Amino acid sequence: MLNLLSLAIGLISIVPVLFALLPLLGWANWFILPLPVVGVIIGSLAHGKAGRNLNLIVLCVAVVRLMLGHGIF
């Protein structure tokens, strides 16, 4: 059950992260970051690993985008 919840959080959070990949919208990742972090925490409590891994990938994409835009762009 927790794995499905974590997968749902990951799928919900991937849409705004992909939107924030557009130029000049990197600042939106600051508001999106807590969602995959919660998904990672819930996914680590589950027996399955799919939800945790999806949220880790979303989190890495958001953090790399913030690093490339120096946290603003």
Protein backbone atom coordinates (compact mmCIF):
# COMPACT_ATOMS: atom_id res chain seq x y z
CA MET A 1 0.00 0.00 0.00
CA LEU A 2 2.80 2.41 0.86
CA ASN A 3 4.55 1.56 -2.39
CA LEU A 4 1.44 2.50 -4.39
CA LEU A 5 1.17 5.77 -2.47
CA SER A 6 4.82 6.50 -3.17
CA LEU A 7 4.35 5.71 -6.86
CA ALA A 8 1.34 8.04 -6.99
CA ILE A 9 3.35 10.83 -5.37
CA GLY A 10 6.15 10.24 -7.87
CA LEU A 11 3.80 10.35 -10.85
CA ILE A 12 2.12 13.49 -9.55
CA SER A 13 5.44 15.24 -8.92
CA ILE A 14 7.05 14.34 -12.25
CA VAL A 15 4.63 16.56 -14.19
CA PRO A 16 5.64 19.87 -12.51
CA VAL A 17 9.31 18.85 -12.57
CA LEU A 18 9.13 18.37 -16.33
CA PHE A 19 7.35 21.73 -16.60
CA ALA A 20 10.14 23.36 -14.59
CA LEU A 21 12.71 22.13 -17.13
CA LEU A 22 11.66 24.97 -19.42
CA PRO A 23 14.00 27.96 -19.47
CA LEU A 24 13.40 30.60 -16.77
CA LEU A 25 11.13 28.26 -14.79
CA GLY A 26 13.81 26.50 -12.75
CA TRP A 27 12.80 28.43 -9.62
CA ALA A 28 9.60 26.37 -9.55
CA ASN A 29 11.65 23.36 -8.46
CA TRP A 30 12.04 24.94 -5.01
CA PHE A 31 8.29 24.50 -4.52
CA ILE A 32 8.24 21.03 -6.06
CA LEU A 33 11.16 19.49 -4.11
CA PRO A 34 9.24 18.64 -0.89
CA LEU A 35 6.84 16.37 -2.77
CA PRO A 36 9.40 13.80 -4.02
CA VAL A 37 11.18 13.97 -0.65
CA VAL A 38 7.95 12.87 1.03
CA GLY A 39 7.62 10.19 -1.64
CA VAL A 40 11.12 8.91 -0.90
CA ILE A 41 10.35 8.73 2.81
CA ILE A 42 7.09 6.86 2.22
CA GLY A 43 8.78 4.64 -0.37
CA SER A 44 11.56 3.71 2.03
CA LEU A 45 8.95 2.48 4.51
CA ALA A 46 7.36 0.22 1.88
CA HIS A 47 8.46 -3.28 0.99
CA GLY A 48 8.71 -2.54 -2.73
CA LYS A 49 11.37 -0.34 -4.25
CA ALA A 50 9.64 1.06 -7.31
CA GLY A 51 8.04 4.06 -5.62
CA ARG A 52 11.24 5.02 -3.83
CA ASN A 53 13.27 4.72 -7.01
CA LEU A 54 10.82 6.81 -9.04
CA ASN A 55 10.88 9.56 -6.43
CA LEU A 56 14.68 9.46 -6.27
CA ILE A 57 14.85 9.93 -10.04
CA VAL A 58 12.39 12.84 -9.90
CA LEU A 59 14.35 14.35 -7.02
CA CYS A 60 17.66 14.01 -8.88
CA VAL A 61 16.23 15.64 -12.02
CA ALA A 62 14.91 18.57 -9.98
CA VAL A 63 18.19 19.03 -8.09
CA VAL A 64 20.30 18.85 -11.24
CA ARG A 65 18.03 21.42 -12.89
CA LEU A 66 18.46 23.71 -9.89
CA MET A 67 22.23 23.28 -10.01
CA LEU A 68 22.36 24.08 -13.72
CA GLY A 69 20.29 27.24 -13.24
CA HIS A 70 22.16 28.26 -10.07
CA GLY A 71 18.96 27.93 -8.05
CA ILE A 72 17.11 30.68 -9.87
CA PHE A 73 16.77 30.10 -13.61
